[in-house]
PDB file of N, CA and C in Angstrom:
ATOM      1  N   MET A   1      14.229 -26.806   7.925  1.00  0.00           N
ATOM      2  CA  MET A   1      13.215 -25.857   7.499  1.00  0.00           C
ATOM      3  C   MET A   1      13.170 -24.707   8.497  1.00  0.00           C
ATOM      4  N   ARG A   2      13.257 -23.492   7.995  1.00  0.00           N
ATOM      5  CA  ARG A   2      13.289 -22.309   8.851  1.00  0.00           C
ATOM      6  C   ARG A   2      11.874 -21.882   9.216  1.00  0.00           C
ATOM      7  N   LYS A   3      11.654 -21.637  10.478  1.00  0.00           N
ATOM      8  CA  LYS A   3      10.362 -21.188  10.945  1.00  0.00           C
ATOM      9  C   LYS A   3      10.295 -19.666  10.829  1.00  0.00           C
ATOM     10  N   GLU A   4       9.191 -19.157  10.238  1.00  0.00           N
ATOM     11  CA  GLU A   4       9.039 -17.712  10.114  1.00  0.00           C
ATOM     12  C   GLU A   4       8.753 -17.112  11.485  1.00  0.00           C
ATOM     13  N   SER A   5       9.331 -15.941  11.736  1.00  0.00           N
ATOM     14  CA  SER A   5       9.079 -15.275  13.002  1.00  0.00           C
ATOM     15  C   SER A   5       7.665 -14.718  12.998  1.00  0.00           C
ATOM     16  N   SER A   6       7.127 -14.490  14.194  1.00  0.00           N
ATOM     17  CA  SER A   6       5.782 -13.936  14.275  1.00  0.00           C
ATOM     18  C   SER A   6       5.749 -12.541  13.668  1.00  0.00           C
ATOM     19  N   SER A   7       6.862 -11.810  13.748  1.00  0.00           N
ATOM     20  CA  SER A   7       6.928 -10.475  13.165  1.00  0.00           C
ATOM     21  C   SER A   7       6.769 -10.544  11.654  1.00  0.00           C
ATOM     22  N   THR A   8       7.418 -11.503  11.018  1.00  0.00           N
ATOM     23  CA  THR A   8       7.319 -11.665   9.568  1.00  0.00           C
ATOM     24  C   THR A   8       5.887 -12.019   9.173  1.00  0.00           C
ATOM     25  N   VAL A   9       5.273 -12.903   9.903  1.00  0.00           N
ATOM     26  CA  VAL A   9       3.900 -13.302   9.619  1.00  0.00           C
ATOM     27  C   VAL A   9       2.964 -12.108   9.805  1.00  0.00           C
ATOM     28  N   GLU A  10       3.172 -11.328  10.850  1.00  0.00           N
ATOM     29  CA  GLU A  10       2.351 -10.140  11.094  1.00  0.00           C
ATOM     30  C   GLU A  10       2.545  -9.103   9.983  1.00  0.00           C
ATOM     31  N   ASP A  11       3.781  -8.924   9.536  1.00  0.00           N
ATOM     32  CA  ASP A  11       4.059  -7.985   8.444  1.00  0.00           C
ATOM     33  C   ASP A  11       3.338  -8.413   7.167  1.00  0.00           C
ATOM     34  N   GLU A  12       3.401  -9.689   6.854  1.00  0.00           N
ATOM     35  CA  GLU A  12       2.740 -10.199   5.651  1.00  0.00           C
ATOM     36  C   GLU A  12       1.230 -10.037   5.758  1.00  0.00           C
ATOM     37  N   ALA A  13       0.674 -10.296   6.940  1.00  0.00           N
ATOM     38  CA  ALA A  13      -0.770 -10.147   7.134  1.00  0.00           C
ATOM     39  C   ALA A  13      -1.188  -8.681   6.993  1.00  0.00           C
ATOM     40  N   LEU A  14      -0.384  -7.776   7.533  1.00  0.00           N
ATOM     41  CA  LEU A  14      -0.669  -6.345   7.426  1.00  0.00           C
ATOM     42  C   LEU A  14      -0.636  -5.906   5.962  1.00  0.00           C
ATOM     43  N   ALA A  15       0.395  -6.305   5.229  1.00  0.00           N
ATOM     44  CA  ALA A  15       0.510  -5.951   3.816  1.00  0.00           C
ATOM     45  C   ALA A  15      -0.690  -6.494   3.032  1.00  0.00           C
ATOM     46  N   THR A  16      -1.111  -7.699   3.341  1.00  0.00           N
ATOM     47  CA  THR A  16      -2.260  -8.297   2.661  1.00  0.00           C
ATOM     48  C   THR A  16      -3.534  -7.518   2.953  1.00  0.00           C
ATOM     49  N   ARG A  17      -3.748  -7.116   4.204  1.00  0.00           N
ATOM     50  CA  ARG A  17      -4.942  -6.328   4.548  1.00  0.00           C
ATOM     51  C   ARG A  17      -4.961  -5.002   3.777  1.00  0.00           C
ATOM     52  N   ILE A  18      -3.807  -4.376   3.654  1.00  0.00           N
ATOM     53  CA  ILE A  18      -3.729  -3.104   2.931  1.00  0.00           C
ATOM     54  C   ILE A  18      -3.982  -3.321   1.440  1.00  0.00           C
ATOM     55  N   LYS A  19      -3.404  -4.374   0.867  1.00  0.00           N
ATOM     56  CA  LYS A  19      -3.630  -4.673  -0.554  1.00  0.00           C
ATOM     57  C   LYS A  19      -5.116  -4.880  -0.838  1.00  0.00           C
ATOM     58  N   ILE A  20      -5.787  -5.597   0.042  1.00  0.00           N
ATOM     59  CA  ILE A  20      -7.226  -5.841  -0.127  1.00  0.00           C
ATOM     60  C   ILE A  20      -7.992  -4.529  -0.031  1.00  0.00           C
ATOM     61  N   ALA A  21      -7.654  -3.701   0.945  1.00  0.00           N
ATOM     62  CA  ALA A  21      -8.330  -2.409   1.098  1.00  0.00           C
ATOM     63  C   ALA A  21      -8.118  -1.529  -0.131  1.00  0.00           C
ATOM     64  N   LEU A  22      -6.896  -1.516  -0.669  1.00  0.00           N
ATOM     65  CA  LEU A  22      -6.612  -0.732  -1.874  1.00  0.00           C
ATOM     66  C   LEU A  22      -7.419  -1.252  -3.060  1.00  0.00           C
ATOM     67  N   ARG A  23      -7.499  -2.560  -3.191  1.00  0.00           N
ATOM     68  CA  ARG A  23      -8.218  -3.172  -4.305  1.00  0.00           C
ATOM     69  C   ARG A  23      -9.711  -2.862  -4.245  1.00  0.00           C
ATOM     70  N   GLU A  24     -10.263  -2.784  -3.028  1.00  0.00           N
ATOM     71  CA  GLU A  24     -11.699  -2.578  -2.863  1.00  0.00           C
ATOM     72  C   GLU A  24     -12.106  -1.105  -2.868  1.00  0.00           C
ATOM     73  N   HIS A  25     -11.142  -0.193  -2.765  1.00  0.00           N
ATOM     74  CA  HIS A  25     -11.449   1.242  -2.718  1.00  0.00           C
ATOM     75  C   HIS A  25     -11.713   1.773  -4.129  1.00  0.00           C
ATOM     76  N   SER A  26     -12.683   2.682  -4.250  1.00  0.00           N
ATOM     77  CA  SER A  26     -13.083   3.179  -5.571  1.00  0.00           C
ATOM     78  C   SER A  26     -11.968   3.938  -6.291  1.00  0.00           C
ATOM     79  N   GLU A  27     -11.120   4.656  -5.566  1.00  0.00           N
ATOM     80  CA  GLU A  27     -10.052   5.434  -6.217  1.00  0.00           C
ATOM     81  C   GLU A  27      -8.794   4.632  -6.502  1.00  0.00           C
ATOM     82  N   THR A  28      -8.568   3.563  -5.758  1.00  0.00           N
ATOM     83  CA  THR A  28      -7.309   2.839  -5.889  1.00  0.00           C
ATOM     84  C   THR A  28      -7.464   1.420  -6.441  1.00  0.00           C
ATOM     85  N   GLY A  29      -8.685   0.963  -6.600  1.00  0.00           N
ATOM     86  CA  GLY A  29      -8.922  -0.389  -7.112  1.00  0.00           C
ATOM     87  C   GLY A  29      -8.325  -0.572  -8.492  1.00  0.00           C
ATOM     88  N   GLY A  30      -7.579  -1.635  -8.696  1.00  0.00           N
ATOM     89  CA  GLY A  30      -7.001  -1.927  -9.993  1.00  0.00           C
ATOM     90  C   GLY A  30      -5.694  -1.213 -10.294  1.00  0.00           C
ATOM     91  N   LEU A  31      -5.239  -0.364  -9.391  1.00  0.00           N
ATOM     92  CA  LEU A  31      -3.979   0.342  -9.631  1.00  0.00           C
ATOM     93  C   LEU A  31      -2.793  -0.530  -9.235  1.00  0.00           C
ATOM     94  N   PRO A  32      -1.685  -0.431  -9.965  1.00  0.00           N
ATOM     95  CA  PRO A  32      -0.511  -1.258  -9.666  1.00  0.00           C
ATOM     96  C   PRO A  32       0.295  -0.692  -8.495  1.00  0.00           C
ATOM     97  N   ILE A  33      -0.203  -0.921  -7.278  1.00  0.00           N
ATOM     98  CA  ILE A  33       0.478  -0.428  -6.082  1.00  0.00           C
ATOM     99  C   ILE A  33       0.987  -1.631  -5.288  1.00  0.00           C
ATOM    100  N   ASP A  34       2.292  -1.664  -5.073  1.00  0.00           N
ATOM    101  CA  ASP A  34       2.918  -2.729  -4.287  1.00  0.00           C
ATOM    102  C   ASP A  34       2.967  -2.284  -2.828  1.00  0.00           C
ATOM    103  N   VAL A  35       2.747  -3.210  -1.923  1.00  0.00           N
ATOM    104  CA  VAL A  35       2.728  -2.912  -0.493  1.00  0.00           C
ATOM    105  C   VAL A  35       3.716  -3.820   0.221  1.00  0.00           C
ATOM    106  N   GLN A  36       4.591  -3.201   1.014  1.00  0.00           N
ATOM    107  CA  GLN A  36       5.503  -3.969   1.868  1.00  0.00           C
ATOM    108  C   GLN A  36       5.371  -3.424   3.284  1.00  0.00           C
ATOM    109  N   ALA A  37       5.467  -4.310   4.259  1.00  0.00           N
ATOM    110  CA  ALA A  37       5.365  -3.899   5.659  1.00  0.00           C
ATOM    111  C   ALA A  37       6.510  -4.510   6.450  1.00  0.00           C
ATOM    112  N   GLU A  38       7.046  -3.719   7.372  1.00  0.00           N
ATOM    113  CA  GLU A  38       8.094  -4.206   8.261  1.00  0.00           C
ATOM    114  C   GLU A  38       7.962  -3.488   9.593  1.00  0.00           C
ATOM    115  N   ASP A  39       7.606  -4.240  10.610  1.00  0.00           N
ATOM    116  CA  ASP A  39       7.437  -3.702  11.964  1.00  0.00           C
ATOM    117  C   ASP A  39       6.487  -2.505  12.005  1.00  0.00           C
ATOM    118  N   GLY A  40       5.394  -2.586  11.255  1.00  0.00           N
ATOM    119  CA  GLY A  40       4.391  -1.529  11.263  1.00  0.00           C
ATOM    120  C   GLY A  40       4.679  -0.368  10.334  1.00  0.00           C
ATOM    121  N   VAL A  41       5.832  -0.384   9.662  1.00  0.00           N
ATOM    122  CA  VAL A  41       6.160   0.652   8.686  1.00  0.00           C
ATOM    123  C   VAL A  41       5.820   0.102   7.302  1.00  0.00           C
ATOM    124  N   VAL A  42       4.929   0.805   6.617  1.00  0.00           N
ATOM    125  CA  VAL A  42       4.422   0.349   5.324  1.00  0.00           C
ATOM    126  C   VAL A  42       5.033   1.193   4.213  1.00  0.00           C
ATOM    127  N   THR A  43       5.508   0.522   3.180  1.00  0.00           N
ATOM    128  CA  THR A  43       6.034   1.214   2.006  1.00  0.00           C
ATOM    129  C   THR A  43       5.127   0.905   0.829  1.00  0.00           C
ATOM    130  N   LEU A  44       4.665   1.983   0.171  1.00  0.00           N
ATOM    131  CA  LEU A  44       3.833   1.864  -1.024  1.00  0.00           C
ATOM    132  C   LEU A  44       4.683   2.235  -2.227  1.00  0.00           C
ATOM    133  N   ARG A  45       4.618   1.415  -3.284  1.00  0.00           N
ATOM    134  CA  ARG A  45       5.342   1.699  -4.525  1.00  0.00           C
ATOM    135  C   ARG A  45       4.422   1.412  -5.698  1.00  0.00           C
ATOM    136  N   GLY A  46       4.619   2.138  -6.760  1.00  0.00           N
ATOM    137  CA  GLY A  46       3.844   1.901  -7.961  1.00  0.00           C
ATOM    138  C   GLY A  46       3.696   3.184  -8.747  1.00  0.00           C
ATOM    139  N   CYS A  47       2.726   3.182  -9.639  1.00  0.00           N
ATOM    140  CA  CYS A  47       2.504   4.328 -10.504  1.00  0.00           C
ATOM    141  C   CYS A  47       1.003   4.520 -10.668  1.00  0.00           C
ATOM    142  N   VAL A  48       0.541   5.755 -10.467  1.00  0.00           N
ATOM    143  CA  VAL A  48      -0.869   6.084 -10.608  1.00  0.00           C
ATOM    144  C   VAL A  48      -1.023   7.278 -11.540  1.00  0.00           C
ATOM    145  N   ASP A  49      -2.263   7.583 -11.899  1.00  0.00           N
ATOM    146  CA  ASP A  49      -2.534   8.656 -12.850  1.00  0.00           C
ATOM    147  C   ASP A  49      -2.650  10.038 -12.212  1.00  0.00           C
ATOM    148  N   THR A  50      -3.076  10.090 -10.937  1.00  0.00           N
ATOM    149  CA  THR A  50      -3.332  11.391 -10.315  1.00  0.00           C
ATOM    150  C   THR A  50      -2.766  11.466  -8.897  1.00  0.00           C
ATOM    151  N   GLU A  51      -2.531  12.695  -8.449  1.00  0.00           N
ATOM    152  CA  GLU A  51      -2.084  12.921  -7.074  1.00  0.00           C
ATOM    153  C   GLU A  51      -3.173  12.468  -6.087  1.00  0.00           C
ATOM    154  N   GLU A  52      -4.434  12.605  -6.476  1.00  0.00           N
ATOM    155  CA  GLU A  52      -5.535  12.173  -5.615  1.00  0.00           C
ATOM    156  C   GLU A  52      -5.477  10.671  -5.354  1.00  0.00           C
ATOM    157  N   GLN A  53      -5.138   9.892  -6.384  1.00  0.00           N
ATOM    158  CA  GLN A  53      -5.006   8.443  -6.214  1.00  0.00           C
ATOM    159  C   GLN A  53      -3.836   8.128  -5.293  1.00  0.00           C
ATOM    160  N   ARG A  54      -2.746   8.846  -5.462  1.00  0.00           N
ATOM    161  CA  ARG A  54      -1.563   8.652  -4.623  1.00  0.00           C
ATOM    162  C   ARG A  54      -1.908   8.926  -3.156  1.00  0.00           C
ATOM    163  N   GLN A  55      -2.582  10.041  -2.902  1.00  0.00           N
ATOM    164  CA  GLN A  55      -2.951  10.401  -1.533  1.00  0.00           C
ATOM    165  C   GLN A  55      -3.991   9.448  -0.951  1.00  0.00           C
ATOM    166  N   ALA A  56      -4.927   9.001  -1.778  1.00  0.00           N
ATOM    167  CA  ALA A  56      -5.944   8.055  -1.314  1.00  0.00           C
ATOM    168  C   ALA A  56      -5.292   6.752  -0.851  1.00  0.00           C
ATOM    169  N   ALA A  57      -4.300   6.288  -1.587  1.00  0.00           N
ATOM    170  CA  ALA A  57      -3.598   5.057  -1.212  1.00  0.00           C
ATOM    171  C   ALA A  57      -2.907   5.230   0.136  1.00  0.00           C
ATOM    172  N   GLU A  58      -2.255   6.367   0.327  1.00  0.00           N
ATOM    173  CA  GLU A  58      -1.561   6.621   1.590  1.00  0.00           C
ATOM    174  C   GLU A  58      -2.535   6.706   2.757  1.00  0.00           C
ATOM    175  N   GLU A  59      -3.607   7.459   2.579  1.00  0.00           N
ATOM    176  CA  GLU A  59      -4.594   7.612   3.653  1.00  0.00           C
ATOM    177  C   GLU A  59      -5.237   6.280   4.016  1.00  0.00           C
ATOM    178  N   LEU A  60      -5.528   5.481   3.014  1.00  0.00           N
ATOM    179  CA  LEU A  60      -6.121   4.174   3.260  1.00  0.00           C
ATOM    180  C   LEU A  60      -5.166   3.288   4.054  1.00  0.00           C
ATOM    181  N   ALA A  61      -3.901   3.285   3.683  1.00  0.00           N
ATOM    182  CA  ALA A  61      -2.905   2.475   4.398  1.00  0.00           C
ATOM    183  C   ALA A  61      -2.764   2.938   5.845  1.00  0.00           C
ATOM    184  N   ARG A  62      -2.806   4.249   6.077  1.00  0.00           N
ATOM    185  CA  ARG A  62      -2.676   4.783   7.436  1.00  0.00           C
ATOM    186  C   ARG A  62      -3.786   4.311   8.367  1.00  0.00           C
ATOM    187  N   ARG A  63      -4.959   4.043   7.814  1.00  0.00           N
ATOM    188  CA  ARG A  63      -6.116   3.652   8.638  1.00  0.00           C
ATOM    189  C   ARG A  63      -6.078   2.198   9.093  1.00  0.00           C
ATOM    190  N   ILE A  64      -5.225   1.390   8.476  1.00  0.00           N
ATOM    191  CA  ILE A  64      -5.164  -0.036   8.811  1.00  0.00           C
ATOM    192  C   ILE A  64      -4.269  -0.200  10.041  1.00  0.00           C
ATOM    193  N   MET A  65      -4.798  -0.852  11.057  1.00  0.00           N
ATOM    194  CA  MET A  65      -4.013  -1.079  12.270  1.00  0.00           C
ATOM    195  C   MET A  65      -3.175  -2.327  12.092  1.00  0.00           C
ATOM    196  N   PRO A  66      -1.983  -2.401  12.576  1.00  0.00           N
ATOM    197  CA  PRO A  66      -1.245  -1.470  13.430  1.00  0.00           C
ATOM    198  C   PRO A  66      -0.191  -0.664  12.665  1.00  0.00           C
ATOM    199  N   VAL A  67      -0.563   0.019  11.590  1.00  0.00           N
ATOM    200  CA  VAL A  67       0.383   0.829  10.827  1.00  0.00           C
ATOM    201  C   VAL A  67       0.916   1.959  11.706  1.00  0.00           C
ATOM    202  N   LYS A  68       2.242   2.059  11.759  1.00  0.00           N
ATOM    203  CA  LYS A  68       2.896   3.126  12.523  1.00  0.00           C
ATOM    204  C   LYS A  68       3.282   4.296  11.625  1.00  0.00           C
ATOM    205  N   HIS A  69       3.662   3.972  10.393  1.00  0.00           N
ATOM    206  CA  HIS A  69       4.154   4.998   9.470  1.00  0.00           C
ATOM    207  C   HIS A  69       3.993   4.488   8.044  1.00  0.00           C
ATOM    208  N   VAL A  70       3.714   5.413   7.107  1.00  0.00           N
ATOM    209  CA  VAL A  70       3.598   5.059   5.696  1.00  0.00           C
ATOM    210  C   VAL A  70       4.650   5.825   4.903  1.00  0.00           C
ATOM    211  N   ILE A  71       5.436   5.096   4.134  1.00  0.00           N
ATOM    212  CA  ILE A  71       6.392   5.689   3.210  1.00  0.00           C
ATOM    213  C   ILE A  71       5.759   5.572   1.831  1.00  0.00           C
ATOM    214  N   ASN A  72       5.374   6.705   1.281  1.00  0.00           N
ATOM    215  CA  ASN A  72       4.662   6.713   0.008  1.00  0.00           C
ATOM    216  C   ASN A  72       5.636   7.003  -1.131  1.00  0.00           C
ATOM    217  N   GLN A  73       6.010   5.956  -1.854  1.00  0.00           N
ATOM    218  CA  GLN A  73       6.910   6.084  -2.991  1.00  0.00           C
ATOM    219  C   GLN A  73       6.169   5.876  -4.312  1.00  0.00           C
ATOM    220  N   VAL A  74       4.859   6.117  -4.285  1.00  0.00           N
ATOM    221  CA  VAL A  74       4.047   5.972  -5.484  1.00  0.00           C
ATOM    222  C   VAL A  74       4.292   7.177  -6.385  1.00  0.00           C
ATOM    223  N   ASP A  75       4.572   6.907  -7.653  1.00  0.00           N
ATOM    224  CA  ASP A  75       4.787   7.963  -8.642  1.00  0.00           C
ATOM    225  C   ASP A  75       3.476   8.332  -9.316  1.00  0.00           C
ATOM    226  N   VAL A  76       3.347   9.609  -9.664  1.00  0.00           N
ATOM    227  CA  VAL A  76       2.197  10.080 -10.430  1.00  0.00           C
ATOM    228  C   VAL A  76       2.667  10.323 -11.850  1.00  0.00           C
ATOM    229  N   ARG A  77       2.088   9.578 -12.776  1.00  0.00           N
ATOM    230  CA  ARG A  77       2.404   9.724 -14.198  1.00  0.00           C
ATOM    231  C   ARG A  77       1.095   9.763 -14.966  1.00  0.00           C
ATOM    232  N   PRO A  78       0.570  10.969 -15.197  1.00  0.00           N
ATOM    233  CA  PRO A  78      -0.713  11.087 -15.890  1.00  0.00           C
ATOM    234  C   PRO A  78      -0.676  10.449 -17.273  1.00  0.00           C
ATOM    235  N   VAL A  79      -1.811   9.887 -17.652  1.00  0.00           N
ATOM    236  CA  VAL A  79      -1.948   9.314 -18.978  1.00  0.00           C
ATOM    237  C   VAL A  79      -1.875  10.472 -19.973  1.00  0.00           C
ATOM    238  N   ALA A  80      -1.037  10.349 -20.970  1.00  0.00           N
ATOM    239  CA  ALA A  80      -0.889  11.408 -21.976  1.00  0.00           C
ATOM    240  C   ALA A  80      -2.202  11.595 -22.726  1.00  0.00           C
ATOM    241  N   GLU A  81      -2.567  12.843 -22.915  1.00  0.00           N
ATOM    242  CA  GLU A  81      -3.789  13.139 -23.663  1.00  0.00           C
ATOM    243  C   GLU A  81      -3.587  12.774 -25.122  1.00  0.00           C
ATOM    244  N   GLN A  82      -4.605  12.231 -25.697  1.00  0.00           N
ATOM    245  CA  GLN A  82      -4.516  11.772 -27.090  1.00  0.00           C
ATOM    246  C   GLN A  82      -5.050  12.814 -28.032  1.00  0.00           C
TER     247      GLN A  82
END
């Protein structure tokens, strides 16, 4: 059985903290945003309706310690008007 490194455990804990923060935030709650962390570098992926939601997700992730850098790969695809 392979033992996980402390870095891997820390990365998973960081990603989980960011996911919780995104879920609880009024602008990003319920949005399909995936979070991955590796050595303090966080990558956000998913699709949102507005640029404001995209920026809110990035800013929120930046505030979580010990984030060193955020790579924001979230796409903005507005809901088509009916």
